[in-house]
Amino acid sequence: MPRPKLEIADIFRAHGPAWRQANAGHVSFSQLKVMSAIETCRTEALGGLVAGCAKCGHHHIAYNSCKNRHYPKCQGPAARVWMAARAEDLLPVEYFHIVFTLPAEIAQIAFWNKKAVYGLLFRAPAETVMTFATDPKRLGARIGMTSVLHTWGSALTHHPHIHMIVPDGGLSPDGTRWVACKPGFFLHVRVLSRLFRRLFLDGLQAVHRAGELDVYGDLQRLAHADAFAAWLAPFRKSEWMVYAKPPFGGPEAVLAYLSRYTHRVAISNTRLISADAETVAFRWKDYRIKSGNRQRACACPRRSSSADS
C-alpha cells in the first residue's frame, strides 16, 4: 500500500508544539506520551535498521515504529495477532451484533470518569444479555460474547457505546447440549434496553455514592447524592438506544466485521484531506445525509515565540 500524502504524524509534528502550549495544564502525562510517540514514529529518534545490496551498494533505512495503540498506522500487526486469537474462540454458528449506547448527557460524565463509567459500560450489557439468555422462559442457556468499546461516533465526537457479538445459542444449564435461538432472532431489543438502563444507572449511582465519581464545570451541582439521584430520574424513564443487527453468516463474517472495530482510533490517515500553517481539513461521516461524507476544517493554534515544545 502506498504511503498517504498526509499522515496524522505530519500534523502532530507541525502543530503539536503549538497545541501543547495552547492547552498547557489541560493535557495529561499519558496524552503527552501518545503525542511524543506519534511524532517520533518511524524517525531516527526511535532508531531503525539498514538494508543494503551487496551488488549495487544501495542502502535503505527503515526506522522503527512507535507501536502505540493510538496511532492507526502501527496497529496492523497487533490487529492480526488479536484476530487470530479470537478465531479460536468462535463457534461454527451464526452470530448476532448488538450495540448498547449511552445517552449524551451521561456520556459527558464518562468523559471525566473513563475507568468507572467504561467499566460499567462493559458490565451492564454483559449482565443484561446473560440474564435474559439464562431465563428458561426465553433461551435458557449459558452464552458467551465478545464486547468492543468505542468511545467516538461517526462524527468524531465523544460517543461511548459497546459493540457486542453473541452466538445464536448457548449451552444448556447442565452443559450437555446446545440450545439454539429461533432462526434470525436473539432477544427483544426493548427488553434488553430496559434492563441495560436499570443496571447501568444503578451501577452509576453506586459509584457516585462511594465517592468515586468526579464532576466538573456545570456538573458540579451533582456532587450531592440527592442532586445526582434527581438528575438520573428522567433517564430511568427514557428510551435507551440498543440496536440489534441481523445475524452474521458465520465465524468468517464475524472476524471480517471485528477487524474493522479493533485496534483503531477515531481518525485515520485516509480521512485527512489537507493541512497548512493555519488549518487541517478531514472527512467525517454524517448518516443524516444520503452521501454520508462531509468535510471539516479545524483551525490550528499558533505557537508564540516563547513556546517550549
C-alpha atoms as a PDB file:
ATOM      1  CA  MET A   1       0.000   0.000   0.000  1.00  0.00           C
ATOM      2  CA  PRO A   2       1.498   3.395  -0.988  1.00  0.00           C
ATOM      3  CA  ARG A   3       2.261   5.912   1.741  1.00  0.00           C
ATOM      4  CA  PRO A   4      -0.524   8.514   2.131  1.00  0.00           C
ATOM      5  CA  LYS A   5       0.401  12.024   1.068  1.00  0.00           C
ATOM      6  CA  LEU A   6      -0.613  13.276   4.518  1.00  0.00           C
ATOM      7  CA  GLU A   7      -0.404  11.424   7.817  1.00  0.00           C
ATOM      8  CA  ILE A   8      -1.508  12.166  11.364  1.00  0.00           C
ATOM      9  CA  ALA A   9       2.136  12.184  12.415  1.00  0.00           C
ATOM     10  CA  ASP A  10       2.831  15.009   9.937  1.00  0.00           C
ATOM     11  CA  ILE A  11       0.152  17.146  11.580  1.00  0.00           C
ATOM     12  CA  PHE A  12       1.382  16.334  15.081  1.00  0.00           C
ATOM     13  CA  ARG A  13       4.941  17.284  14.154  1.00  0.00           C
ATOM     14  CA  ALA A  14       3.859  20.547  12.549  1.00  0.00           C
ATOM     15  CA  HIS A  15       1.239  21.679  15.058  1.00  0.00           C
ATOM     16  CA  GLY A  16       1.868  19.609  18.198  1.00  0.00           C
ATOM     17  CA  PRO A  17       4.113  22.148  19.974  1.00  0.00           C
ATOM     18  CA  ALA A  18       1.616  24.993  19.469  1.00  0.00           C
ATOM     19  CA  TRP A  19      -1.300  22.806  20.549  1.00  0.00           C
ATOM     20  CA  ARG A  20       0.501  21.758  23.732  1.00  0.00           C
ATOM     21  CA  GLN A  21       1.242  25.383  24.521  1.00  0.00           C
ATOM     22  CA  ALA A  22      -2.376  26.429  23.944  1.00  0.00           C
ATOM     23  CA  ASN A  23      -3.628  23.587  26.154  1.00  0.00           C
ATOM     24  CA  ALA A  24      -0.967  23.706  28.848  1.00  0.00           C
ATOM     25  CA  GLY A  25      -2.377  22.491  32.149  1.00  0.00           C
ATOM     26  CA  HIS A  26      -5.203  20.571  30.475  1.00  0.00           C
ATOM     27  CA  VAL A  27      -3.225  17.724  28.913  1.00  0.00           C
ATOM     28  CA  SER A  28      -2.381  14.611  30.920  1.00  0.00           C
ATOM     29  CA  PHE A  29       1.041  12.990  31.006  1.00  0.00           C
ATOM     30  CA  SER A  30      -0.319   9.936  29.192  1.00  0.00           C
ATOM     31  CA  GLN A  31      -1.667  12.152  26.404  1.00  0.00           C
ATOM     32  CA  LEU A  32       1.696  13.857  26.076  1.00  0.00           C
ATOM     33  CA  LYS A  33       3.340  10.432  25.803  1.00  0.00           C
ATOM     34  CA  VAL A  34       0.976   9.495  22.976  1.00  0.00           C
ATOM     35  CA  MET A  35       1.784  12.688  21.088  1.00  0.00           C
ATOM     36  CA  SER A  36       5.503  12.114  21.542  1.00  0.00           C
ATOM     37  CA  ALA A  37       5.215   8.527  20.301  1.00  0.00           C
ATOM     38  CA  ILE A  38       3.319   9.548  17.170  1.00  0.00           C
ATOM     39  CA  GLU A  39       5.640  12.467  16.411  1.00  0.00           C
ATOM     40  CA  THR A  40       8.748  10.274  16.633  1.00  0.00           C
ATOM     41  CA  CYS A  41       7.219   7.234  14.905  1.00  0.00           C
ATOM     42  CA  ARG A  42       9.375   5.961  12.036  1.00  0.00           C
ATOM     43  CA  THR A  43      12.019   8.643  12.562  1.00  0.00           C
ATOM     44  CA  GLU A  44      15.672   8.482  13.547  1.00  0.00           C
ATOM     45  CA  ALA A  45      14.620   9.217  17.138  1.00  0.00           C
ATOM     46  CA  LEU A  46      13.443   5.604  17.526  1.00  0.00           C
ATOM     47  CA  GLY A  47      16.336   4.024  15.665  1.00  0.00           C
ATOM     48  CA  GLY A  48      15.941   1.502  12.896  1.00  0.00           C
ATOM     49  CA  LEU A  49      17.741  -0.866  10.590  1.00  0.00           C
ATOM     50  CA  VAL A  50      19.721  -0.541   7.382  1.00  0.00           C
ATOM     51  CA  ALA A  51      19.206  -2.914   4.464  1.00  0.00           C
ATOM     52  CA  GLY A  52      21.919  -2.923   1.832  1.00  0.00           C
ATOM     53  CA  CYS A  53      22.504  -4.511  -1.541  1.00  0.00           C
ATOM     54  CA  ALA A  54      25.945  -6.093  -1.911  1.00  0.00           C
ATOM     55  CA  LYS A  55      25.821  -5.801  -5.698  1.00  0.00           C
ATOM     56  CA  CYS A  56      24.771  -2.204  -6.320  1.00  0.00           C
ATOM     57  CA  GLY A  57      25.693  -0.742  -2.954  1.00  0.00           C
ATOM     58  CA  HIS A  58      22.254   0.802  -2.389  1.00  0.00           C
ATOM     59  CA  HIS A  59      21.201   1.193   1.241  1.00  0.00           C
ATOM     60  CA  HIS A  60      17.700   1.655   2.619  1.00  0.00           C
ATOM     61  CA  ILE A  61      16.950   2.835   6.157  1.00  0.00           C
ATOM     62  CA  ALA A  62      13.773   1.599   7.850  1.00  0.00           C
ATOM     63  CA  TYR A  63      13.040   3.431  11.097  1.00  0.00           C
ATOM     64  CA  ASN A  64      11.247   1.703  13.952  1.00  0.00           C
ATOM     65  CA  SER A  65       7.526   2.051  14.614  1.00  0.00           C
ATOM     66  CA  CYS A  66       6.231   3.574  17.854  1.00  0.00           C
ATOM     67  CA  LYS A  67       3.743   0.659  18.168  1.00  0.00           C
ATOM     68  CA  ASN A  68       1.461   2.968  20.146  1.00  0.00           C
ATOM     69  CA  ARG A  69      -2.142   1.754  20.088  1.00  0.00           C
ATOM     70  CA  HIS A  70      -3.400   5.294  19.452  1.00  0.00           C
ATOM     71  CA  TYR A  71      -1.641   5.521  16.085  1.00  0.00           C
ATOM     72  CA  PRO A  72      -3.645   3.595  13.455  1.00  0.00           C
ATOM     73  CA  LYS A  73      -0.646   3.228  11.149  1.00  0.00           C
ATOM     74  CA  CYS A  74       1.064   0.965  13.695  1.00  0.00           C
ATOM     75  CA  GLN A  75      -1.817  -1.361  14.552  1.00  0.00           C
ATOM     76  CA  GLY A  76      -1.843  -3.758  11.595  1.00  0.00           C
ATOM     77  CA  PRO A  77       0.344  -6.499  13.137  1.00  0.00           C
ATOM     78  CA  ALA A  78      -1.335  -6.230  16.554  1.00  0.00           C
ATOM     79  CA  ALA A  79      -4.776  -6.455  14.959  1.00  0.00           C
ATOM     80  CA  ARG A  80      -3.828  -9.588  13.037  1.00  0.00           C
ATOM     81  CA  VAL A  81      -2.498 -11.269  16.191  1.00  0.00           C
ATOM     82  CA  TRP A  82      -5.668 -10.341  18.088  1.00  0.00           C
ATOM     83  CA  MET A  83      -7.896 -11.634  15.318  1.00  0.00           C
ATOM     84  CA  ALA A  84      -6.026 -14.929  15.135  1.00  0.00           C
ATOM     85  CA  ALA A  85      -6.538 -15.409  18.871  1.00  0.00           C
ATOM     86  CA  ARG A  86     -10.238 -14.590  18.598  1.00  0.00           C
ATOM     87  CA  ALA A  87     -10.657 -17.078  15.768  1.00  0.00           C
ATOM     88  CA  GLU A  88     -10.022 -19.854  18.265  1.00  0.00           C
ATOM     89  CA  ASP A  89     -12.973 -18.631  20.367  1.00  0.00           C
ATOM     90  CA  LEU A  90     -15.585 -18.626  17.616  1.00  0.00           C
ATOM     91  CA  LEU A  91     -18.101 -21.404  17.045  1.00  0.00           C
ATOM     92  CA  PRO A  92     -19.420 -22.714  13.698  1.00  0.00           C
ATOM     93  CA  VAL A  93     -22.771 -20.956  14.181  1.00  0.00           C
ATOM     94  CA  GLU A  94     -24.431 -17.674  13.233  1.00  0.00           C
ATOM     95  CA  TYR A  95     -23.667 -14.571  15.298  1.00  0.00           C
ATOM     96  CA  PHE A  96     -25.691 -11.511  16.286  1.00  0.00           C
ATOM     97  CA  HIS A  97     -24.392  -7.964  16.594  1.00  0.00           C
ATOM     98  CA  ILE A  98     -25.853  -5.815  19.407  1.00  0.00           C
ATOM     99  CA  VAL A  99     -24.966  -2.175  20.107  1.00  0.00           C
ATOM    100  CA  PHE A 100     -25.503  -0.577  23.546  1.00  0.00           C
ATOM    101  CA  THR A 101     -25.281   3.237  23.620  1.00  0.00           C
ATOM    102  CA  LEU A 102     -25.201   5.767  26.473  1.00  0.00           C
ATOM    103  CA  PRO A 103     -27.363   8.921  26.412  1.00  0.00           C
ATOM    104  CA  ALA A 104     -25.313  12.000  25.521  1.00  0.00           C
ATOM    105  CA  GLU A 105     -25.718  13.584  28.956  1.00  0.00           C
ATOM    106  CA  ILE A 106     -24.337  10.533  30.739  1.00  0.00           C
ATOM    107  CA  ALA A 107     -21.563  10.303  28.174  1.00  0.00           C
ATOM    108  CA  GLN A 108     -20.485  13.722  29.442  1.00  0.00           C
ATOM    109  CA  ILE A 109     -19.855  12.194  32.872  1.00  0.00           C
ATOM    110  CA  ALA A 110     -17.988   9.337  31.221  1.00  0.00           C
ATOM    111  CA  PHE A 111     -15.563  11.809  29.670  1.00  0.00           C
ATOM    112  CA  TRP A 112     -14.223  12.696  33.132  1.00  0.00           C
ATOM    113  CA  ASN A 113     -14.645   9.242  34.688  1.00  0.00           C
ATOM    114  CA  LYS A 114     -13.450   6.875  31.993  1.00  0.00           C
ATOM    115  CA  LYS A 115     -12.362   3.965  34.181  1.00  0.00           C
ATOM    116  CA  ALA A 116     -15.538   3.867  36.270  1.00  0.00           C
ATOM    117  CA  VAL A 117     -18.075   4.537  33.519  1.00  0.00           C
ATOM    118  CA  TYR A 118     -16.454   2.459  30.794  1.00  0.00           C
ATOM    119  CA  GLY A 119     -16.183  -0.422  33.250  1.00  0.00           C
ATOM    120  CA  LEU A 120     -19.924  -0.153  33.848  1.00  0.00           C
ATOM    121  CA  LEU A 121     -20.487   0.055  30.123  1.00  0.00           C
ATOM    122  CA  PHE A 122     -18.824  -3.327  29.719  1.00  0.00           C
ATOM    123  CA  ARG A 123     -20.519  -4.988  32.700  1.00  0.00           C
ATOM    124  CA  ALA A 124     -24.122  -3.776  32.302  1.00  0.00           C
ATOM    125  CA  PRO A 125     -24.652  -5.048  28.718  1.00  0.00           C
ATOM    126  CA  ALA A 126     -22.955  -8.359  29.536  1.00  0.00           C
ATOM    127  CA  GLU A 127     -25.148  -8.878  32.602  1.00  0.00           C
ATOM    128  CA  THR A 128     -28.206  -7.838  30.592  1.00  0.00           C
ATOM    129  CA  VAL A 129     -27.631 -10.396  27.857  1.00  0.00           C
ATOM    130  CA  MET A 130     -26.675 -13.189  30.258  1.00  0.00           C
ATOM    131  CA  THR A 131     -29.716 -12.527  32.472  1.00  0.00           C
ATOM    132  CA  PHE A 132     -32.171 -12.954  29.625  1.00  0.00           C
ATOM    133  CA  ALA A 133     -30.250 -15.760  27.941  1.00  0.00           C
ATOM    134  CA  THR A 134     -30.289 -17.902  31.096  1.00  0.00           C
ATOM    135  CA  ASP A 135     -34.013 -17.280  31.687  1.00  0.00           C
ATOM    136  CA  PRO A 136     -35.822 -20.598  30.953  1.00  0.00           C
ATOM    137  CA  LYS A 137     -38.770 -18.636  29.558  1.00  0.00           C
ATOM    138  CA  ARG A 138     -36.513 -17.080  26.909  1.00  0.00           C
ATOM    139  CA  LEU A 139     -33.433 -19.009  25.781  1.00  0.00           C
ATOM    140  CA  GLY A 140     -32.475 -20.959  28.892  1.00  0.00           C
ATOM    141  CA  ALA A 141     -28.794 -21.239  28.033  1.00  0.00           C
ATOM    142  CA  ARG A 142     -25.367 -20.072  29.140  1.00  0.00           C
ATOM    143  CA  ILE A 143     -23.857 -17.974  26.362  1.00  0.00           C
ATOM    144  CA  GLY A 144     -20.569 -16.292  25.590  1.00  0.00           C
ATOM    145  CA  MET A 145     -19.899 -12.926  23.989  1.00  0.00           C
ATOM    146  CA  THR A 146     -17.207 -10.609  22.668  1.00  0.00           C
ATOM    147  CA  SER A 147     -17.524  -6.900  23.509  1.00  0.00           C
ATOM    148  CA  VAL A 148     -15.637  -3.985  21.975  1.00  0.00           C
ATOM    149  CA  LEU A 149     -15.806  -0.446  23.410  1.00  0.00           C
ATOM    150  CA  HIS A 150     -15.969   2.517  21.062  1.00  0.00           C
ATOM    151  CA  THR A 151     -15.720   5.971  22.588  1.00  0.00           C
ATOM    152  CA  TRP A 152     -16.404   8.002  19.450  1.00  0.00           C
ATOM    153  CA  GLY A 153     -19.121   8.286  16.841  1.00  0.00           C
ATOM    154  CA  SER A 154     -19.158   8.724  13.077  1.00  0.00           C
ATOM    155  CA  ALA A 155     -18.895  12.497  13.522  1.00  0.00           C
ATOM    156  CA  LEU A 156     -15.643  12.019  15.520  1.00  0.00           C
ATOM    157  CA  THR A 157     -17.275  13.255  18.730  1.00  0.00           C
ATOM    158  CA  HIS A 158     -17.332  11.593  22.159  1.00  0.00           C
ATOM    159  CA  HIS A 159     -19.969   8.863  21.893  1.00  0.00           C
ATOM    160  CA  PRO A 160     -19.363   5.828  24.162  1.00  0.00           C
ATOM    161  CA  HIS A 161     -21.030   2.601  23.043  1.00  0.00           C
ATOM    162  CA  ILE A 162     -20.451  -1.148  23.147  1.00  0.00           C
ATOM    163  CA  HIS A 163     -20.399  -3.450  20.127  1.00  0.00           C
ATOM    164  CA  MET A 164     -21.243  -6.971  21.245  1.00  0.00           C
ATOM    165  CA  ILE A 165     -21.024 -10.172  19.233  1.00  0.00           C
ATOM    166  CA  VAL A 166     -23.075 -13.114  20.562  1.00  0.00           C
ATOM    167  CA  PRO A 167     -23.663 -16.604  19.107  1.00  0.00           C
ATOM    168  CA  ASP A 168     -27.164 -17.723  18.211  1.00  0.00           C
ATOM    169  CA  GLY A 169     -27.370 -20.024  21.217  1.00  0.00           C
ATOM    170  CA  GLY A 170     -25.529 -21.468  24.194  1.00  0.00           C
ATOM    171  CA  LEU A 171     -25.034 -24.444  26.458  1.00  0.00           C
ATOM    172  CA  SER A 172     -27.878 -25.888  28.484  1.00  0.00           C
ATOM    173  CA  PRO A 173     -27.601 -25.297  32.272  1.00  0.00           C
ATOM    174  CA  ASP A 174     -26.155 -28.789  32.763  1.00  0.00           C
ATOM    175  CA  GLY A 175     -23.675 -28.281  29.912  1.00  0.00           C
ATOM    176  CA  THR A 176     -24.762 -31.364  27.975  1.00  0.00           C
ATOM    177  CA  ARG A 177     -26.408 -29.865  24.878  1.00  0.00           C
ATOM    178  CA  TRP A 178     -26.586 -26.828  22.623  1.00  0.00           C
ATOM    179  CA  VAL A 179     -29.671 -24.614  22.915  1.00  0.00           C
ATOM    180  CA  ALA A 180     -30.260 -22.636  19.720  1.00  0.00           C
ATOM    181  CA  CYS A 181     -32.186 -19.385  19.275  1.00  0.00           C
ATOM    182  CA  LYS A 182     -35.109 -19.039  16.942  1.00  0.00           C
ATOM    183  CA  PRO A 183     -33.782 -18.598  13.383  1.00  0.00           C
ATOM    184  CA  GLY A 184     -32.836 -14.949  12.819  1.00  0.00           C
ATOM    185  CA  PHE A 185     -33.916 -13.833  16.304  1.00  0.00           C
ATOM    186  CA  PHE A 186     -31.983 -13.422  19.544  1.00  0.00           C
ATOM    187  CA  LEU A 187     -33.817 -11.338  22.183  1.00  0.00           C
ATOM    188  CA  HIS A 188     -36.271  -8.425  22.140  1.00  0.00           C
ATOM    189  CA  VAL A 189     -34.390  -5.132  21.833  1.00  0.00           C
ATOM    190  CA  ARG A 190     -36.800  -3.190  24.057  1.00  0.00           C
ATOM    191  CA  VAL A 191     -36.450  -5.754  26.839  1.00  0.00           C
ATOM    192  CA  LEU A 192     -32.661  -5.615  26.551  1.00  0.00           C
ATOM    193  CA  SER A 193     -32.758  -1.813  26.568  1.00  0.00           C
ATOM    194  CA  ARG A 194     -34.756  -1.508  29.776  1.00  0.00           C
ATOM    195  CA  LEU A 195     -32.654  -3.941  31.797  1.00  0.00           C
ATOM    196  CA  PHE A 196     -29.450  -2.369  30.472  1.00  0.00           C
ATOM    197  CA  ARG A 197     -30.785   1.042  31.513  1.00  0.00           C
ATOM    198  CA  ARG A 198     -31.585  -0.109  35.053  1.00  0.00           C
ATOM    199  CA  LEU A 199     -28.332  -1.998  35.597  1.00  0.00           C
ATOM    200  CA  PHE A 200     -26.204   0.842  34.294  1.00  0.00           C
ATOM    201  CA  LEU A 201     -27.968   3.590  36.262  1.00  0.00           C
ATOM    202  CA  ASP A 202     -27.949   1.550  39.471  1.00  0.00           C
ATOM    203  CA  GLY A 203     -24.244   0.943  38.996  1.00  0.00           C
ATOM    204  CA  LEU A 204     -23.545   4.594  38.235  1.00  0.00           C
ATOM    205  CA  GLN A 205     -25.437   5.708  41.332  1.00  0.00           C
ATOM    206  CA  ALA A 206     -23.459   3.223  43.443  1.00  0.00           C
ATOM    207  CA  VAL A 207     -20.185   4.599  42.084  1.00  0.00           C
ATOM    208  CA  HIS A 208     -21.325   8.135  42.918  1.00  0.00           C
ATOM    209  CA  ARG A 209     -22.429   7.073  46.410  1.00  0.00           C
ATOM    210  CA  ALA A 210     -18.975   5.586  47.016  1.00  0.00           C
ATOM    211  CA  GLY A 211     -17.376   8.929  46.169  1.00  0.00           C
ATOM    212  CA  GLU A 212     -15.667   7.517  43.072  1.00  0.00           C
ATOM    213  CA  LEU A 213     -17.298   9.809  40.513  1.00  0.00           C
ATOM    214  CA  ASP A 214     -15.757  13.194  39.689  1.00  0.00           C
ATOM    215  CA  VAL A 215     -17.917  16.061  38.425  1.00  0.00           C
ATOM    216  CA  TYR A 216     -16.647  19.292  36.905  1.00  0.00           C
ATOM    217  CA  GLY A 217     -17.976  22.517  35.433  1.00  0.00           C
ATOM    218  CA  ASP A 218     -21.753  22.586  35.062  1.00  0.00           C
ATOM    219  CA  LEU A 219     -21.963  19.090  36.557  1.00  0.00           C
ATOM    220  CA  GLN A 220     -20.572  20.166  39.940  1.00  0.00           C
ATOM    221  CA  ARG A 221     -24.159  20.696  41.039  1.00  0.00           C
ATOM    222  CA  LEU A 222     -24.468  16.887  41.037  1.00  0.00           C
ATOM    223  CA  ALA A 223     -21.866  16.350  43.742  1.00  0.00           C
ATOM    224  CA  HIS A 224     -24.527  15.712  46.412  1.00  0.00           C
ATOM    225  CA  ALA A 225     -26.197  12.280  46.379  1.00  0.00           C
ATOM    226  CA  ASP A 226     -29.758  13.667  46.342  1.00  0.00           C
ATOM    227  CA  ALA A 227     -28.991  16.014  43.457  1.00  0.00           C
ATOM    228  CA  PHE A 228     -27.412  13.197  41.485  1.00  0.00           C
ATOM    229  CA  ALA A 229     -30.360  10.871  42.098  1.00  0.00           C
ATOM    230  CA  ALA A 230     -32.786  13.583  40.956  1.00  0.00           C
ATOM    231  CA  TRP A 231     -30.691  14.169  37.832  1.00  0.00           C
ATOM    232  CA  LEU A 232     -30.743  10.452  36.999  1.00  0.00           C
ATOM    233  CA  ALA A 233     -34.517  10.122  37.478  1.00  0.00           C
ATOM    234  CA  PRO A 234     -35.565  11.183  33.929  1.00  0.00           C
ATOM    235  CA  PHE A 235     -33.076   8.736  32.413  1.00  0.00           C
ATOM    236  CA  ARG A 236     -34.816   5.881  34.213  1.00  0.00           C
ATOM    237  CA  LYS A 237     -37.919   6.557  32.122  1.00  0.00           C
ATOM    238  CA  SER A 238     -36.379   7.475  28.772  1.00  0.00           C
ATOM    239  CA  GLU A 239     -35.730   5.005  25.961  1.00  0.00           C
ATOM    240  CA  TRP A 240     -32.087   3.960  25.668  1.00  0.00           C
ATOM    241  CA  MET A 241     -30.549   3.049  22.348  1.00  0.00           C
ATOM    242  CA  VAL A 242     -29.965  -0.676  21.953  1.00  0.00           C
ATOM    243  CA  TYR A 243     -29.701  -1.836  18.375  1.00  0.00           C
ATOM    244  CA  ALA A 244     -29.618  -5.461  17.214  1.00  0.00           C
ATOM    245  CA  LYS A 245     -28.441  -6.167  13.694  1.00  0.00           C
ATOM    246  CA  PRO A 246     -29.365  -9.272  11.689  1.00  0.00           C
ATOM    247  CA  PRO A 247     -27.194 -12.328  12.268  1.00  0.00           C
ATOM    248  CA  PHE A 248     -23.849 -12.690  10.561  1.00  0.00           C
ATOM    249  CA  GLY A 249     -23.292 -15.552   8.168  1.00  0.00           C
ATOM    250  CA  GLY A 250     -20.777 -17.375  10.339  1.00  0.00           C
ATOM    251  CA  PRO A 251     -17.371 -17.152  12.019  1.00  0.00           C
ATOM    252  CA  GLU A 252     -15.583 -15.811   8.934  1.00  0.00           C
ATOM    253  CA  ALA A 253     -18.046 -12.946   8.628  1.00  0.00           C
ATOM    254  CA  VAL A 254     -17.664 -12.185  12.334  1.00  0.00           C
ATOM    255  CA  LEU A 255     -13.900 -11.942  12.016  1.00  0.00           C
ATOM    256  CA  ALA A 256     -14.200  -9.711   8.964  1.00  0.00           C
ATOM    257  CA  TYR A 257     -16.505  -7.402  10.899  1.00  0.00           C
ATOM    258  CA  LEU A 258     -14.448  -7.317  14.088  1.00  0.00           C
ATOM    259  CA  SER A 259     -11.323  -6.463  12.124  1.00  0.00           C
ATOM    260  CA  ARG A 260     -12.895  -3.073  11.411  1.00  0.00           C
ATOM    261  CA  TYR A 261     -13.567  -2.380  15.090  1.00  0.00           C
ATOM    262  CA  THR A 262     -10.407  -3.424  16.912  1.00  0.00           C
ATOM    263  CA  HIS A 263      -7.035  -1.713  17.151  1.00  0.00           C
ATOM    264  CA  ARG A 264      -8.114   1.557  15.649  1.00  0.00           C
ATOM    265  CA  VAL A 265      -8.916   5.089  16.792  1.00  0.00           C
ATOM    266  CA  ALA A 266     -11.430   7.676  15.656  1.00  0.00           C
ATOM    267  CA  ILE A 267      -9.472   9.120  12.744  1.00  0.00           C
ATOM    268  CA  SER A 268      -7.120   7.519  10.250  1.00  0.00           C
ATOM    269  CA  ASN A 269      -4.728   8.816   7.609  1.00  0.00           C
ATOM    270  CA  THR A 270      -7.296   8.119   4.889  1.00  0.00           C
ATOM    271  CA  ARG A 271      -9.675  10.719   6.372  1.00  0.00           C
ATOM    272  CA  LEU A 272      -7.116  13.515   6.058  1.00  0.00           C
ATOM    273  CA  ILE A 273      -7.573  15.899   3.123  1.00  0.00           C
ATOM    274  CA  SER A 274      -5.095  18.735   3.575  1.00  0.00           C
ATOM    275  CA  ALA A 275      -3.071  20.694   6.116  1.00  0.00           C
ATOM    276  CA  ASP A 276      -1.261  24.013   6.077  1.00  0.00           C
ATOM    277  CA  ALA A 277       0.036  26.520   8.601  1.00  0.00           C
ATOM    278  CA  GLU A 278      -3.461  27.517   9.708  1.00  0.00           C
ATOM    279  CA  THR A 279      -5.937  24.668   9.144  1.00  0.00           C
ATOM    280  CA  VAL A 280      -6.349  20.910   8.909  1.00  0.00           C
ATOM    281  CA  ALA A 281      -9.156  19.508   6.727  1.00  0.00           C
ATOM    282  CA  PHE A 282     -10.572  16.000   7.069  1.00  0.00           C
ATOM    283  CA  ARG A 283     -13.578  13.856   6.164  1.00  0.00           C
ATOM    284  CA  TRP A 284     -16.226  12.698   8.610  1.00  0.00           C
ATOM    285  CA  LYS A 285     -19.395  10.660   8.240  1.00  0.00           C
ATOM    286  CA  ASP A 286     -22.861  12.111   8.700  1.00  0.00           C
ATOM    287  CA  TYR A 287     -25.513   9.403   8.401  1.00  0.00           C
ATOM    288  CA  ARG A 288     -28.242  12.048   8.359  1.00  0.00           C
ATOM    289  CA  ILE A 289     -27.433  12.802   4.723  1.00  0.00           C
ATOM    290  CA  LYS A 290     -27.564  10.397   1.798  1.00  0.00           C
ATOM    291  CA  SER A 291     -23.915  10.580   0.743  1.00  0.00           C
ATOM    292  CA  GLY A 292     -22.701  10.285   4.338  1.00  0.00           C
ATOM    293  CA  ASN A 293     -19.386  12.080   3.797  1.00  0.00           C
ATOM    294  CA  ARG A 294     -18.723  15.650   4.848  1.00  0.00           C
ATOM    295  CA  GLN A 295     -15.609  17.766   5.217  1.00  0.00           C
ATOM    296  CA  ARG A 296     -14.488  19.868   8.133  1.00  0.00           C
ATOM    297  CA  ALA A 297     -11.601  22.293   8.562  1.00  0.00           C
ATOM    298  CA  CYS A 298     -10.156  22.976  12.015  1.00  0.00           C
ATOM    299  CA  ALA A 299      -8.018  25.977  12.862  1.00  0.00           C
ATOM    300  CA  CYS A 300      -4.557  25.209  14.204  1.00  0.00           C
ATOM    301  CA  PRO A 301      -3.223  27.074  17.254  1.00  0.00           C
ATOM    302  CA  ARG A 302      -0.341  29.452  16.683  1.00  0.00           C
ATOM    303  CA  ARG A 303       2.803  28.990  18.706  1.00  0.00           C
ATOM    304  CA  SER A 304       4.170  32.071  20.471  1.00  0.00           C
ATOM    305  CA  SER A 305       7.837  32.951  20.197  1.00  0.00           C
ATOM    306  CA  SER A 306       8.402  31.913  23.832  1.00  0.00           C
ATOM    307  CA  ALA A 307       6.812  28.467  23.421  1.00  0.00           C
ATOM    308  CA  ASP A 308       8.601  25.431  24.735  1.00  0.00           C
ATOM    309  CA  SER A 309       7.944  22.213  22.880  1.00  0.00           C
END
